[in-house]
């Protein structure tokens, strides 16, 4: 989902992490202690994938300061392949979790991931980028409304197959339903929405949002499809996962079942070829791939190409572009919309 890299308040600091002075002192003390232990054991910490601000102790047979070791363990435990993500960003996010829990090293964190379901859930929530709003970047939605949707209907009729990839809390697929409803009867609209995070998908299916999330919804849709919940209803809302801001609010807005029923949610990993559907008329995947390596990003774009029908549309985010899109057999409609050409 879209992330405004210029507004750290919107991202919760996930792009540029800042540690407090106290945390820095803790890290410095631990670094000194671990260097002494490493020296006593006659080991040298691998530096090629280590953050110099966090030194990690060594245990017999396994260098727990080695990010390669951590990546293998994460893959085994969660199925998430960190090799496909930009190392500096992902390592910073993981190191932040380790620091927050006052753990000594990657080994302790790995053990927690294996034995504590809450810690595993926290990792997946922290690892995935769940920033979303309805109709985010309204000028792009205006172009889709005025140009892309009519073009799709002209080419393929009204029974469109649309995939919202990395859909987060559901803001985007629900926005798609409302946008399409101006042209297509609701009972004909079907959106396939996927995300790697099961907890986030549960929140998407629930369909509750704070006022900020729905601030960009056109008034006609907000009045028609959103209902402000009562205090008693909010008291009955159950928390999903360890972090669920909506469940702690005094008020929230529930999206109507008319809209919710048009979206099918499913867990899927963009790095797994088996999770890609076939013959779709449009794919919406916005500001997620900025965290992928260039090779992984190119592979996803190629798989999107194979998922689309001829002249199908790919809608990406404002922080992304497809480098060498002609070589991948895409044409560009504008900065954020591409079409499959072959």
C-alpha atoms as a PDB file:
ATOM      1  CA  UNK A   1       0.000   0.000   0.000  1.00  0.00           C
ATOM      2  CA  UNK A   2       1.220   3.490  -0.571  1.00  0.00           C
ATOM      3  CA  UNK A   3       3.783   4.987   1.762  1.00  0.00           C
ATOM      4  CA  UNK A   4       4.642   8.642   1.736  1.00  0.00           C
ATOM      5  CA  UNK A   5       8.376   8.588   2.257  1.00  0.00           C
ATOM      6  CA  UNK A   6       8.385  12.314   3.036  1.00  0.00           C
ATOM      7  CA  UNK A   7       5.971  12.007   5.955  1.00  0.00           C
ATOM      8  CA  UNK A   8       7.486   9.963   8.773  1.00  0.00           C
ATOM      9  CA  UNK A   9       4.328  10.311  10.809  1.00  0.00           C
ATOM     10  CA  UNK A  10       2.431   8.241   8.255  1.00  0.00           C
ATOM     11  CA  UNK A  11       4.892   5.408   8.250  1.00  0.00           C
ATOM     12  CA  UNK A  12       5.469   5.195  11.980  1.00  0.00           C
ATOM     13  CA  UNK A  13       9.179   5.720  11.369  1.00  0.00           C
ATOM     14  CA  UNK A  14       9.608   2.498   9.397  1.00  0.00           C
ATOM     15  CA  UNK A  15      11.739   4.151   6.709  1.00  0.00           C
ATOM     16  CA  UNK A  16      14.157   6.046   8.957  1.00  0.00           C
ATOM     17  CA  UNK A  17      14.352   4.419  12.382  1.00  0.00           C
ATOM     18  CA  UNK A  18      15.567   6.568  15.286  1.00  0.00           C
ATOM     19  CA  UNK A  19      16.830   5.172  18.533  1.00  0.00           C
ATOM     20  CA  UNK A  20      16.658   7.036  21.838  1.00  0.00           C
ATOM     21  CA  UNK A  21      19.801   8.056  23.742  1.00  0.00           C
ATOM     22  CA  UNK A  22      19.084   5.338  26.286  1.00  0.00           C
ATOM     23  CA  UNK A  23      18.867   2.692  23.581  1.00  0.00           C
ATOM     24  CA  UNK A  24      22.126   3.878  22.086  1.00  0.00           C
ATOM     25  CA  UNK A  25      23.857   3.499  25.467  1.00  0.00           C
ATOM     26  CA  UNK A  26      22.476  -0.021  25.881  1.00  0.00           C
ATOM     27  CA  UNK A  27      23.679  -0.960  22.412  1.00  0.00           C
ATOM     28  CA  UNK A  28      27.133   0.507  23.080  1.00  0.00           C
ATOM     29  CA  UNK A  29      27.485  -1.411  26.367  1.00  0.00           C
ATOM     30  CA  UNK A  30      26.391  -4.646  24.755  1.00  0.00           C
ATOM     31  CA  UNK A  31      28.719  -4.127  21.823  1.00  0.00           C
ATOM     32  CA  UNK A  32      31.695  -3.796  24.150  1.00  0.00           C
ATOM     33  CA  UNK A  33      30.723  -6.894  26.123  1.00  0.00           C
ATOM     34  CA  UNK A  34      30.194  -9.030  23.072  1.00  0.00           C
ATOM     35  CA  UNK A  35      33.514  -8.002  21.567  1.00  0.00           C
ATOM     36  CA  UNK A  36      35.267  -9.285  24.694  1.00  0.00           C
ATOM     37  CA  UNK A  37      33.404 -12.594  24.501  1.00  0.00           C
ATOM     38  CA  UNK A  38      34.209 -12.957  20.835  1.00  0.00           C
ATOM     39  CA  UNK A  39      37.865 -12.278  21.464  1.00  0.00           C
ATOM     40  CA  UNK A  40      37.985 -14.882  24.251  1.00  0.00           C
ATOM     41  CA  UNK A  41      36.478 -17.471  21.958  1.00  0.00           C
ATOM     42  CA  UNK A  42      38.914 -16.561  19.159  1.00  0.00           C
ATOM     43  CA  UNK A  43      36.101 -15.756  16.722  1.00  0.00           C
ATOM     44  CA  UNK A  44      35.703 -12.805  14.407  1.00  0.00           C
ATOM     45  CA  UNK A  45      32.212 -11.521  13.744  1.00  0.00           C
ATOM     46  CA  UNK A  46      31.329 -11.506  10.081  1.00  0.00           C
ATOM     47  CA  UNK A  47      31.093  -7.926   8.894  1.00  0.00           C
ATOM     48  CA  UNK A  48      29.640  -8.223   5.429  1.00  0.00           C
ATOM     49  CA  UNK A  49      26.043  -8.279   6.645  1.00  0.00           C
ATOM     50  CA  UNK A  50      26.316  -6.756  10.101  1.00  0.00           C
ATOM     51  CA  UNK A  51      25.172  -3.411  11.390  1.00  0.00           C
ATOM     52  CA  UNK A  52      28.174  -1.893  13.209  1.00  0.00           C
ATOM     53  CA  UNK A  53      25.843  -0.410  15.836  1.00  0.00           C
ATOM     54  CA  UNK A  54      24.851  -3.887  17.015  1.00  0.00           C
ATOM     55  CA  UNK A  55      27.530  -6.434  17.813  1.00  0.00           C
ATOM     56  CA  UNK A  56      26.345  -9.996  18.293  1.00  0.00           C
ATOM     57  CA  UNK A  57      28.017 -12.746  20.353  1.00  0.00           C
ATOM     58  CA  UNK A  58      29.234 -16.022  18.920  1.00  0.00           C
ATOM     59  CA  UNK A  59      28.264 -19.496  20.060  1.00  0.00           C
ATOM     60  CA  UNK A  60      29.980 -22.776  19.264  1.00  0.00           C
ATOM     61  CA  UNK A  61      29.464 -23.812  15.645  1.00  0.00           C
ATOM     62  CA  UNK A  62      27.204 -20.896  14.649  1.00  0.00           C
ATOM     63  CA  UNK A  63      28.069 -17.261  14.149  1.00  0.00           C
ATOM     64  CA  UNK A  64      24.961 -15.539  15.485  1.00  0.00           C
ATOM     65  CA  UNK A  65      26.236 -12.190  14.262  1.00  0.00           C
ATOM     66  CA  UNK A  66      25.950 -13.446  10.709  1.00  0.00           C
ATOM     67  CA  UNK A  67      22.890 -12.048   8.973  1.00  0.00           C
ATOM     68  CA  UNK A  68      23.036 -14.991   6.552  1.00  0.00           C
ATOM     69  CA  UNK A  69      22.344 -17.349   9.463  1.00  0.00           C
ATOM     70  CA  UNK A  70      19.421 -15.212  10.584  1.00  0.00           C
ATOM     71  CA  UNK A  71      17.940 -15.174   7.090  1.00  0.00           C
ATOM     72  CA  UNK A  72      18.052 -18.970   6.867  1.00  0.00           C
ATOM     73  CA  UNK A  73      16.321 -19.321  10.221  1.00  0.00           C
ATOM     74  CA  UNK A  74      13.646 -16.765   9.319  1.00  0.00           C
ATOM     75  CA  UNK A  75      12.966 -18.621   6.070  1.00  0.00           C
ATOM     76  CA  UNK A  76      12.652 -21.925   7.928  1.00  0.00           C
ATOM     77  CA  UNK A  77      10.335 -20.549  10.621  1.00  0.00           C
ATOM     78  CA  UNK A  78       8.130 -18.134   8.670  1.00  0.00           C
ATOM     79  CA  UNK A  79       8.590 -18.934   4.984  1.00  0.00           C
ATOM     80  CA  UNK A  80       9.714 -15.318   4.424  1.00  0.00           C
ATOM     81  CA  UNK A  81      12.832 -15.065   2.245  1.00  0.00           C
ATOM     82  CA  UNK A  82      14.739 -11.976   3.381  1.00  0.00           C
ATOM     83  CA  UNK A  83      17.144 -12.356   0.458  1.00  0.00           C
ATOM     84  CA  UNK A  84      14.539 -10.658  -1.710  1.00  0.00           C
ATOM     85  CA  UNK A  85      14.381  -7.543   0.477  1.00  0.00           C
ATOM     86  CA  UNK A  86      16.787  -4.643   0.738  1.00  0.00           C
ATOM     87  CA  UNK A  87      19.177  -5.740   3.453  1.00  0.00           C
ATOM     88  CA  UNK A  88      19.792  -2.418   5.182  1.00  0.00           C
ATOM     89  CA  UNK A  89      16.088  -1.714   5.640  1.00  0.00           C
ATOM     90  CA  UNK A  90      15.079  -5.217   6.735  1.00  0.00           C
ATOM     91  CA  UNK A  91      18.046  -5.649   9.064  1.00  0.00           C
ATOM     92  CA  UNK A  92      17.313  -2.307  10.684  1.00  0.00           C
ATOM     93  CA  UNK A  93      13.718  -3.373  11.329  1.00  0.00           C
ATOM     94  CA  UNK A  94      14.787  -6.687  12.870  1.00  0.00           C
ATOM     95  CA  UNK A  95      17.511  -5.075  14.970  1.00  0.00           C
ATOM     96  CA  UNK A  96      14.924  -2.655  16.279  1.00  0.00           C
ATOM     97  CA  UNK A  97      12.796  -5.570  17.490  1.00  0.00           C
ATOM     98  CA  UNK A  98      15.791  -7.209  19.183  1.00  0.00           C
ATOM     99  CA  UNK A  99      16.699  -3.947  20.908  1.00  0.00           C
ATOM    100  CA  UNK A 100      13.121  -3.380  22.021  1.00  0.00           C
ATOM    101  CA  UNK A 101      13.037  -6.794  23.714  1.00  0.00           C
ATOM    102  CA  UNK A 102      16.456  -6.322  25.339  1.00  0.00           C
ATOM    103  CA  UNK A 103      17.712  -9.530  23.762  1.00  0.00           C
ATOM    104  CA  UNK A 104      21.418 -10.321  23.531  1.00  0.00           C
ATOM    105  CA  UNK A 105      21.626 -11.664  20.014  1.00  0.00           C
ATOM    106  CA  UNK A 106      19.932 -13.155  16.980  1.00  0.00           C
ATOM    107  CA  UNK A 107      20.011 -16.583  18.636  1.00  0.00           C
ATOM    108  CA  UNK A 108      17.743 -15.506  21.478  1.00  0.00           C
ATOM    109  CA  UNK A 109      15.403 -13.876  19.009  1.00  0.00           C
ATOM    110  CA  UNK A 110      15.255 -16.987  16.855  1.00  0.00           C
ATOM    111  CA  UNK A 111      14.364 -19.102  19.895  1.00  0.00           C
ATOM    112  CA  UNK A 112      11.550 -16.705  20.745  1.00  0.00           C
ATOM    113  CA  UNK A 113      10.229 -16.876  17.206  1.00  0.00           C
ATOM    114  CA  UNK A 114      10.105 -20.663  17.501  1.00  0.00           C
ATOM    115  CA  UNK A 115       8.413 -20.796  20.891  1.00  0.00           C
ATOM    116  CA  UNK A 116       6.340 -17.634  21.346  1.00  0.00           C
ATOM    117  CA  UNK A 117       3.422 -17.149  18.970  1.00  0.00           C
ATOM    118  CA  UNK A 118       3.009 -13.500  19.973  1.00  0.00           C
ATOM    119  CA  UNK A 119       6.631 -12.745  19.091  1.00  0.00           C
ATOM    120  CA  UNK A 120       6.192 -14.473  15.734  1.00  0.00           C
ATOM    121  CA  UNK A 121       3.075 -12.409  15.047  1.00  0.00           C
ATOM    122  CA  UNK A 122       4.903  -9.240  16.052  1.00  0.00           C
ATOM    123  CA  UNK A 123       7.718 -10.045  13.639  1.00  0.00           C
ATOM    124  CA  UNK A 124       5.331 -10.563  10.738  1.00  0.00           C
ATOM    125  CA  UNK A 125       3.475  -7.346  11.562  1.00  0.00           C
ATOM    126  CA  UNK A 126       6.734  -5.404  11.859  1.00  0.00           C
ATOM    127  CA  UNK A 127       8.225  -6.993   8.780  1.00  0.00           C
ATOM    128  CA  UNK A 128       5.297  -6.214   6.508  1.00  0.00           C
ATOM    129  CA  UNK A 129       4.528  -2.635   5.575  1.00  0.00           C
ATOM    130  CA  UNK A 130       0.917  -2.061   6.576  1.00  0.00           C
ATOM    131  CA  UNK A 131       0.301   1.571   5.803  1.00  0.00           C
ATOM    132  CA  UNK A 132      -2.930   2.193   3.980  1.00  0.00           C
ATOM    133  CA  UNK A 133      -5.731   4.659   3.385  1.00  0.00           C
ATOM    134  CA  UNK A 134      -8.820   4.709   1.210  1.00  0.00           C
ATOM    135  CA  UNK A 135      -8.281   6.527  -2.093  1.00  0.00           C
ATOM    136  CA  UNK A 136      -4.690   7.361  -1.220  1.00  0.00           C
ATOM    137  CA  UNK A 137      -3.095   9.683  -3.797  1.00  0.00           C
ATOM    138  CA  UNK A 138      -6.476  10.902  -5.114  1.00  0.00           C
ATOM    139  CA  UNK A 139      -5.104  12.219  -8.417  1.00  0.00           C
ATOM    140  CA  UNK A 140      -4.123   8.672  -9.354  1.00  0.00           C
ATOM    141  CA  UNK A 141      -7.571   7.377  -8.430  1.00  0.00           C
ATOM    142  CA  UNK A 142      -9.094  10.164 -10.509  1.00  0.00           C
ATOM    143  CA  UNK A 143      -7.111   8.988 -13.531  1.00  0.00           C
ATOM    144  CA  UNK A 144      -8.269   5.428 -12.926  1.00  0.00           C
ATOM    145  CA  UNK A 145     -11.870   6.605 -12.577  1.00  0.00           C
ATOM    146  CA  UNK A 146     -11.880   8.795 -15.669  1.00  0.00           C
ATOM    147  CA  UNK A 147      -9.606   6.790 -17.968  1.00  0.00           C
ATOM    148  CA  UNK A 148      -8.595   3.317 -16.832  1.00  0.00           C
ATOM    149  CA  UNK A 149     -11.936   1.826 -15.757  1.00  0.00           C
ATOM    150  CA  UNK A 150     -13.757   2.954 -18.932  1.00  0.00           C
ATOM    151  CA  UNK A 151     -10.854   1.570 -20.988  1.00  0.00           C
ATOM    152  CA  UNK A 152     -11.021  -1.802 -19.212  1.00  0.00           C
ATOM    153  CA  UNK A 153     -14.767  -2.030 -19.741  1.00  0.00           C
ATOM    154  CA  UNK A 154     -14.355  -1.119 -23.395  1.00  0.00           C
ATOM    155  CA  UNK A 155     -11.754  -3.862 -23.842  1.00  0.00           C
ATOM    156  CA  UNK A 156     -13.133  -6.667 -21.689  1.00  0.00           C
ATOM    157  CA  UNK A 157     -16.699  -5.864 -20.693  1.00  0.00           C
ATOM    158  CA  UNK A 158     -17.990  -5.528 -17.130  1.00  0.00           C
ATOM    159  CA  UNK A 159     -16.961  -8.937 -15.787  1.00  0.00           C
ATOM    160  CA  UNK A 160     -13.513  -7.738 -14.826  1.00  0.00           C
ATOM    161  CA  UNK A 161     -10.943  -9.762 -12.912  1.00  0.00           C
ATOM    162  CA  UNK A 162      -8.959  -7.449 -10.624  1.00  0.00           C
ATOM    163  CA  UNK A 163      -6.244  -8.373  -8.127  1.00  0.00           C
ATOM    164  CA  UNK A 164      -5.267  -6.136  -5.204  1.00  0.00           C
ATOM    165  CA  UNK A 165      -1.815  -7.496  -4.308  1.00  0.00           C
ATOM    166  CA  UNK A 166      -0.375  -6.710  -0.848  1.00  0.00           C
ATOM    167  CA  UNK A 167      -3.777  -5.312   0.132  1.00  0.00           C
ATOM    168  CA  UNK A 168      -2.959  -4.625   3.805  1.00  0.00           C
ATOM    169  CA  UNK A 169      -6.030  -3.710   5.898  1.00  0.00           C
ATOM    170  CA  UNK A 170      -8.407  -3.718   2.937  1.00  0.00           C
ATOM    171  CA  UNK A 171      -8.570   0.009   2.225  1.00  0.00           C
ATOM    172  CA  UNK A 172      -7.414  -0.488  -1.349  1.00  0.00           C
ATOM    173  CA  UNK A 173      -9.656  -3.369  -2.503  1.00  0.00           C
ATOM    174  CA  UNK A 174     -12.677  -1.713  -0.898  1.00  0.00           C
ATOM    175  CA  UNK A 175     -11.766   1.539  -2.683  1.00  0.00           C
ATOM    176  CA  UNK A 176     -11.647  -0.432  -5.929  1.00  0.00           C
ATOM    177  CA  UNK A 177     -15.155  -1.772  -5.351  1.00  0.00           C
ATOM    178  CA  UNK A 178     -16.527   1.719  -4.772  1.00  0.00           C
ATOM    179  CA  UNK A 179     -14.708   3.152  -7.799  1.00  0.00           C
ATOM    180  CA  UNK A 180     -16.011   0.365 -10.048  1.00  0.00           C
ATOM    181  CA  UNK A 181     -19.556   0.750  -8.720  1.00  0.00           C
ATOM    182  CA  UNK A 182     -19.917   3.957 -10.733  1.00  0.00           C
ATOM    183  CA  UNK A 183     -19.754   1.828 -13.885  1.00  0.00           C
ATOM    184  CA  UNK A 184     -20.690  -1.705 -12.871  1.00  0.00           C
ATOM    185  CA  UNK A 185     -23.513  -3.057 -10.669  1.00  0.00           C
ATOM    186  CA  UNK A 186     -22.172  -4.125  -7.286  1.00  0.00           C
ATOM    187  CA  UNK A 187     -23.286  -7.726  -7.716  1.00  0.00           C
ATOM    188  CA  UNK A 188     -21.004  -8.008 -10.777  1.00  0.00           C
ATOM    189  CA  UNK A 189     -17.885  -6.719  -9.056  1.00  0.00           C
ATOM    190  CA  UNK A 190     -15.314  -9.180  -7.727  1.00  0.00           C
ATOM    191  CA  UNK A 191     -11.945  -8.206  -6.279  1.00  0.00           C
ATOM    192  CA  UNK A 192      -9.278 -10.746  -5.353  1.00  0.00           C
ATOM    193  CA  UNK A 193      -7.147  -9.341  -2.508  1.00  0.00           C
ATOM    194  CA  UNK A 194      -4.014 -10.888  -1.033  1.00  0.00           C
ATOM    195  CA  UNK A 195      -1.432 -10.158   1.633  1.00  0.00           C
ATOM    196  CA  UNK A 196       1.330 -12.149   3.323  1.00  0.00           C
ATOM    197  CA  UNK A 197       0.119 -11.193   6.814  1.00  0.00           C
ATOM    198  CA  UNK A 198      -2.779 -13.258   8.229  1.00  0.00           C
ATOM    199  CA  UNK A 199      -3.400 -10.804  11.068  1.00  0.00           C
ATOM    200  CA  UNK A 200      -3.729  -7.908   8.655  1.00  0.00           C
ATOM    201  CA  UNK A 201      -6.110  -9.955   6.499  1.00  0.00           C
ATOM    202  CA  UNK A 202      -8.291 -10.572   9.549  1.00  0.00           C
ATOM    203  CA  UNK A 203      -8.502  -6.816  10.106  1.00  0.00           C
ATOM    204  CA  UNK A 204      -9.334  -6.299   6.439  1.00  0.00           C
ATOM    205  CA  UNK A 205     -12.188  -8.795   6.629  1.00  0.00           C
ATOM    206  CA  UNK A 206     -13.501  -7.101   9.766  1.00  0.00           C
ATOM    207  CA  UNK A 207     -13.758  -3.797   7.913  1.00  0.00           C
ATOM    208  CA  UNK A 208     -13.399  -1.248  10.739  1.00  0.00           C
ATOM    209  CA  UNK A 209     -11.480   1.987  10.204  1.00  0.00           C
ATOM    210  CA  UNK A 210     -10.582   5.196  12.005  1.00  0.00           C
ATOM    211  CA  UNK A 211     -11.604   8.585  10.665  1.00  0.00           C
ATOM    212  CA  UNK A 212      -8.189   9.340   9.161  1.00  0.00           C
ATOM    213  CA  UNK A 213      -8.233   6.171   7.042  1.00  0.00           C
ATOM    214  CA  UNK A 214     -11.516   7.079   5.374  1.00  0.00           C
ATOM    215  CA  UNK A 215     -10.872  10.826   5.051  1.00  0.00           C
ATOM    216  CA  UNK A 216     -10.144  10.480   1.320  1.00  0.00           C
ATOM    217  CA  UNK A 217     -13.348   8.597   0.504  1.00  0.00           C
ATOM    218  CA  UNK A 218     -15.646  10.663  -1.759  1.00  0.00           C
ATOM    219  CA  UNK A 219     -18.589  12.001   0.229  1.00  0.00           C
ATOM    220  CA  UNK A 220     -21.171  10.082  -1.805  1.00  0.00           C
ATOM    221  CA  UNK A 221     -19.486   6.783  -0.902  1.00  0.00           C
ATOM    222  CA  UNK A 222     -18.725   7.723   2.674  1.00  0.00           C
ATOM    223  CA  UNK A 223     -22.362   8.593   3.334  1.00  0.00           C
ATOM    224  CA  UNK A 224     -23.612   5.491   1.565  1.00  0.00           C
ATOM    225  CA  UNK A 225     -21.188   2.771   2.624  1.00  0.00           C
ATOM    226  CA  UNK A 226     -19.759   3.733   6.035  1.00  0.00           C
ATOM    227  CA  UNK A 227     -21.507   3.732   9.388  1.00  0.00           C
ATOM    228  CA  UNK A 228     -20.201   5.321  12.556  1.00  0.00           C
ATOM    229  CA  UNK A 229     -20.240   2.722  15.314  1.00  0.00           C
ATOM    230  CA  UNK A 230     -21.827   3.353  18.696  1.00  0.00           C
ATOM    231  CA  UNK A 231     -19.958   3.247  21.985  1.00  0.00           C
ATOM    232  CA  UNK A 232     -21.543  -0.062  22.900  1.00  0.00           C
ATOM    233  CA  UNK A 233     -20.516  -1.559  19.557  1.00  0.00           C
ATOM    234  CA  UNK A 234     -16.948  -0.354  20.057  1.00  0.00           C
ATOM    235  CA  UNK A 235     -16.848  -1.925  23.519  1.00  0.00           C
ATOM    236  CA  UNK A 236     -17.642  -5.252  21.872  1.00  0.00           C
ATOM    237  CA  UNK A 237     -14.852  -5.036  19.282  1.00  0.00           C
ATOM    238  CA  UNK A 238     -12.269  -7.731  19.934  1.00  0.00           C
ATOM    239  CA  UNK A 239      -8.601  -6.973  19.424  1.00  0.00           C
ATOM    240  CA  UNK A 240      -6.916  -8.738  16.515  1.00  0.00           C
ATOM    241  CA  UNK A 241      -3.261  -9.440  17.201  1.00  0.00           C
ATOM    242  CA  UNK A 242      -0.962  -7.598  19.587  1.00  0.00           C
ATOM    243  CA  UNK A 243      -1.391  -4.224  17.924  1.00  0.00           C
ATOM    244  CA  UNK A 244      -4.886  -3.181  16.916  1.00  0.00           C
ATOM    245  CA  UNK A 245      -5.389   0.593  17.229  1.00  0.00           C
ATOM    246  CA  UNK A 246      -8.968   0.452  15.947  1.00  0.00           C
ATOM    247  CA  UNK A 247     -10.010  -1.845  18.819  1.00  0.00           C
ATOM    248  CA  UNK A 248      -8.863   0.756  21.358  1.00  0.00           C
ATOM    249  CA  UNK A 249     -10.631   3.741  19.796  1.00  0.00           C
ATOM    250  CA  UNK A 250     -13.772   5.313  21.206  1.00  0.00           C
ATOM    251  CA  UNK A 251     -15.299   5.337  17.754  1.00  0.00           C
ATOM    252  CA  UNK A 252     -14.693   3.800  14.349  1.00  0.00           C
ATOM    253  CA  UNK A 253     -16.407   3.416  11.001  1.00  0.00           C
ATOM    254  CA  UNK A 254     -17.699   0.118   9.664  1.00  0.00           C
ATOM    255  CA  UNK A 255     -17.797  -0.441   5.931  1.00  0.00           C
ATOM    256  CA  UNK A 256     -21.021  -1.944   4.655  1.00  0.00           C
ATOM    257  CA  UNK A 257     -21.480  -5.626   3.912  1.00  0.00           C
ATOM    258  CA  UNK A 258     -22.452  -4.599   0.361  1.00  0.00           C
ATOM    259  CA  UNK A 259     -18.855  -3.584  -0.252  1.00  0.00           C
ATOM    260  CA  UNK A 260     -17.192  -6.255   1.899  1.00  0.00           C
ATOM    261  CA  UNK A 261     -19.010  -9.060   0.102  1.00  0.00           C
ATOM    262  CA  UNK A 262     -17.408  -8.102  -3.221  1.00  0.00           C
ATOM    263  CA  UNK A 263     -13.859  -8.840  -2.005  1.00  0.00           C
ATOM    264  CA  UNK A 264     -12.252 -12.261  -1.533  1.00  0.00           C
ATOM    265  CA  UNK A 265      -9.217 -12.180   0.770  1.00  0.00           C
ATOM    266  CA  UNK A 266      -6.451 -14.773   0.748  1.00  0.00           C
ATOM    267  CA  UNK A 267      -2.946 -15.091   2.148  1.00  0.00           C
ATOM    268  CA  UNK A 268      -0.279 -14.995  -0.572  1.00  0.00           C
ATOM    269  CA  UNK A 269       3.419 -14.242  -0.921  1.00  0.00           C
ATOM    270  CA  UNK A 270       4.559 -12.171  -3.891  1.00  0.00           C
ATOM    271  CA  UNK A 271       7.880 -14.026  -3.810  1.00  0.00           C
ATOM    272  CA  UNK A 272       6.183 -17.376  -4.462  1.00  0.00           C
ATOM    273  CA  UNK A 273       5.363 -18.119  -8.102  1.00  0.00           C
ATOM    274  CA  UNK A 274       2.566 -20.488  -7.064  1.00  0.00           C
ATOM    275  CA  UNK A 275       0.665 -17.608  -5.448  1.00  0.00           C
ATOM    276  CA  UNK A 276       0.104 -15.781  -8.739  1.00  0.00           C
ATOM    277  CA  UNK A 277      -3.313 -16.128 -10.390  1.00  0.00           C
ATOM    278  CA  UNK A 278      -3.902 -16.101 -14.134  1.00  0.00           C
ATOM    279  CA  UNK A 279      -5.710 -14.009 -16.734  1.00  0.00           C
ATOM    280  CA  UNK A 280      -6.424 -10.844 -14.784  1.00  0.00           C
ATOM    281  CA  UNK A 281      -7.505  -7.579 -16.374  1.00  0.00           C
ATOM    282  CA  UNK A 282      -5.906  -5.325 -13.762  1.00  0.00           C
ATOM    283  CA  UNK A 283      -3.427  -5.681 -10.908  1.00  0.00           C
ATOM    284  CA  UNK A 284      -3.102  -3.051  -8.196  1.00  0.00           C
ATOM    285  CA  UNK A 285       0.144  -3.250  -6.183  1.00  0.00           C
ATOM    286  CA  UNK A 286       1.226   0.068  -4.757  1.00  0.00           C
ATOM    287  CA  UNK A 287       4.377   1.052  -2.837  1.00  0.00           C
ATOM    288  CA  UNK A 288       5.251  -2.399  -1.570  1.00  0.00           C
ATOM    289  CA  UNK A 289       8.059  -3.322  -3.924  1.00  0.00           C
ATOM    290  CA  UNK A 290      10.228  -0.414  -2.778  1.00  0.00           C
ATOM    291  CA  UNK A 291      11.454  -2.757  -0.026  1.00  0.00           C
ATOM    292  CA  UNK A 292      12.495  -5.489  -2.477  1.00  0.00           C
ATOM    293  CA  UNK A 293      15.906  -5.878  -4.062  1.00  0.00           C
ATOM    294  CA  UNK A 294      16.115  -4.876  -7.712  1.00  0.00           C
ATOM    295  CA  UNK A 295      16.285  -8.529  -8.806  1.00  0.00           C
ATOM    296  CA  UNK A 296      13.249  -9.496  -6.726  1.00  0.00           C
ATOM    297  CA  UNK A 297      11.353  -6.444  -7.928  1.00  0.00           C
ATOM    298  CA  UNK A 298      12.040  -7.302 -11.575  1.00  0.00           C
ATOM    299  CA  UNK A 299      10.882 -10.859 -10.991  1.00  0.00           C
ATOM    300  CA  UNK A 300       7.606  -9.665  -9.469  1.00  0.00           C
ATOM    301  CA  UNK A 301       6.986  -7.315 -12.394  1.00  0.00           C
ATOM    302  CA  UNK A 302       7.620 -10.181 -14.822  1.00  0.00           C
ATOM    303  CA  UNK A 303       5.173 -12.388 -12.936  1.00  0.00           C
ATOM    304  CA  UNK A 304       2.609  -9.595 -12.938  1.00  0.00           C
ATOM    305  CA  UNK A 305       3.092  -9.415 -16.713  1.00  0.00           C
ATOM    306  CA  UNK A 306       2.355 -13.131 -17.002  1.00  0.00           C
ATOM    307  CA  UNK A 307      -0.710 -12.773 -14.758  1.00  0.00           C
ATOM    308  CA  UNK A 308      -2.255 -10.050 -16.915  1.00  0.00           C
ATOM    309  CA  UNK A 309      -4.190 -10.653 -20.109  1.00  0.00           C
ATOM    310  CA  UNK A 310      -3.069  -8.858 -23.262  1.00  0.00           C
ATOM    311  CA  UNK A 311      -3.329  -5.086 -22.658  1.00  0.00           C
ATOM    312  CA  UNK A 312      -4.197  -5.685 -19.010  1.00  0.00           C
ATOM    313  CA  UNK A 313      -3.353  -2.836 -16.627  1.00  0.00           C
ATOM    314  CA  UNK A 314      -0.832  -2.698 -13.765  1.00  0.00           C
ATOM    315  CA  UNK A 315      -1.366   0.125 -11.238  1.00  0.00           C
ATOM    316  CA  UNK A 316       1.717   0.795  -9.074  1.00  0.00           C
ATOM    317  CA  UNK A 317       2.529   3.324  -6.363  1.00  0.00           C
ATOM    318  CA  UNK A 318       3.826   6.872  -6.410  1.00  0.00           C
ATOM    319  CA  UNK A 319       7.234   5.802  -5.045  1.00  0.00           C
ATOM    320  CA  UNK A 320       7.826   3.160  -7.713  1.00  0.00           C
ATOM    321  CA  UNK A 321       8.637   2.795 -11.375  1.00  0.00           C
ATOM    322  CA  UNK A 322       9.377  -0.117 -13.684  1.00  0.00           C
ATOM    323  CA  UNK A 323      12.955   0.306 -14.866  1.00  0.00           C
ATOM    324  CA  UNK A 324      13.299  -0.997 -18.400  1.00  0.00           C
ATOM    325  CA  UNK A 325       9.571  -1.579 -18.735  1.00  0.00           C
ATOM    326  CA  UNK A 326       9.854  -1.882 -22.523  1.00  0.00           C
ATOM    327  CA  UNK A 327      12.154  -4.884 -22.136  1.00  0.00           C
ATOM    328  CA  UNK A 328       9.499  -6.518 -19.953  1.00  0.00           C
ATOM    329  CA  UNK A 329       6.898  -5.859 -22.657  1.00  0.00           C
ATOM    330  CA  UNK A 330       4.981  -3.174 -20.802  1.00  0.00           C
ATOM    331  CA  UNK A 331       3.677   0.073 -22.215  1.00  0.00           C
ATOM    332  CA  UNK A 332       3.178   3.094 -19.967  1.00  0.00           C
ATOM    333  CA  UNK A 333      -0.184   4.869 -19.788  1.00  0.00           C
ATOM    334  CA  UNK A 334       1.158   7.413 -17.306  1.00  0.00           C
ATOM    335  CA  UNK A 335       3.638   7.423 -14.405  1.00  0.00           C
ATOM    336  CA  UNK A 336       1.690   4.865 -12.366  1.00  0.00           C
ATOM    337  CA  UNK A 337      -0.265   2.805 -14.916  1.00  0.00           C
ATOM    338  CA  UNK A 338       1.325   0.251 -17.237  1.00  0.00           C
ATOM    339  CA  UNK A 339      -0.198  -2.223 -19.686  1.00  0.00           C
ATOM    340  CA  UNK A 340       0.931  -5.595 -20.960  1.00  0.00           C
ATOM    341  CA  UNK A 341       1.797  -5.273 -24.629  1.00  0.00           C
ATOM    342  CA  UNK A 342       2.586  -8.744 -25.969  1.00  0.00           C
END
